[in-house]
Amino acid sequence: MKIATFNINGIKARQAALLDWLEAAAPDVALLQEIKSVDGNFPTEPFEARGYHVATHGQKGFNGVAILSKRPLEDVSRGLPGDEADEQARWIEATVAGESRRVRLCGLYLPNGNPAPGPKYDYKLAWMARLKARAEALLADEALAVMAGDYNVIPQDEDAARPAAWRADALALPDSRRAFRSVLNLGFTDAFRARVQGPGHYTFWDYQAGAWDRDDGIRIDHALLTPQAADLLTGVGIDRDVRGREKPSDHVPLWIELDA
């Protein structure tokens, strides 16, 4: 089962590019972030015509997450547990039955948190605490689960072309990195780092200051696996070339393959 995560930065602006990538990459599941659309306005028909089931958790003009799956989506759940007052659309879950196993898929768009310090950073850290609680529940259920999406966290200096430029940014502050590690330390596996080591691997390049041309990137899109999922990991990759295509998102897809 090939599972990808892709922050598309607006379904309206990126629909054609997304469809082109789906045709070429052919993921079984695509977890999308920043669809920037209410559920009723999401263009489901082109994706259904290509064999994908669609589930969305949208929000007008901001945020929004979705799941595209070639297999039926079961037990769809929207919203990260732990704060009923949180109206931001940043979390969606569903179960997909593979050839031999059922996989719980959690698609997420973690808050950016800037400017930090401040209320936006407080919200980011509180959201990450709720993420950890959900991660603990998945482990307690011994679930074969994947939590993938735009984490807005640069885990280590090697995940940035210019680490010093991010020292005071919410994506790389010590508390952000500590919260990310606290989830890993529960027993989750960073799928990419389980297979690929060293610097120079990025999933985001800013639109400003020629970041793409200078390869001034960061790795902030991640797939974290429960032990049951990590045991089935057979491949991982970043579709870097997508960033150089026409009207690209500032992110590129990260994908994993599970023997499921």
Foldseek 3Di string as FASTA:
>chain_A
DKEKEEAFQACVLCVVLVVVCCVVVVGQKYKYKWNQDPPVPRPCVVLVVVQWDKDWDHDHRGIIIMMTHNFDWAPKDWDQPDDPPDNHGFWIWTWGQDPDGIEIEIEGDQQLQPPPPDPSVVRRLVVLVSVLVVLVVCVVVVGFYKYWYQSNAQQDCLQWPDSVVCDNGSNYDPSSNVSVVVSVVVAKDFLVCVPDDGHLDAFFADPPDCRVVVVGGGHRTTMIGHPNQSVFWDDKDWPSCSCVDPSGDRGTMIMTDGPD
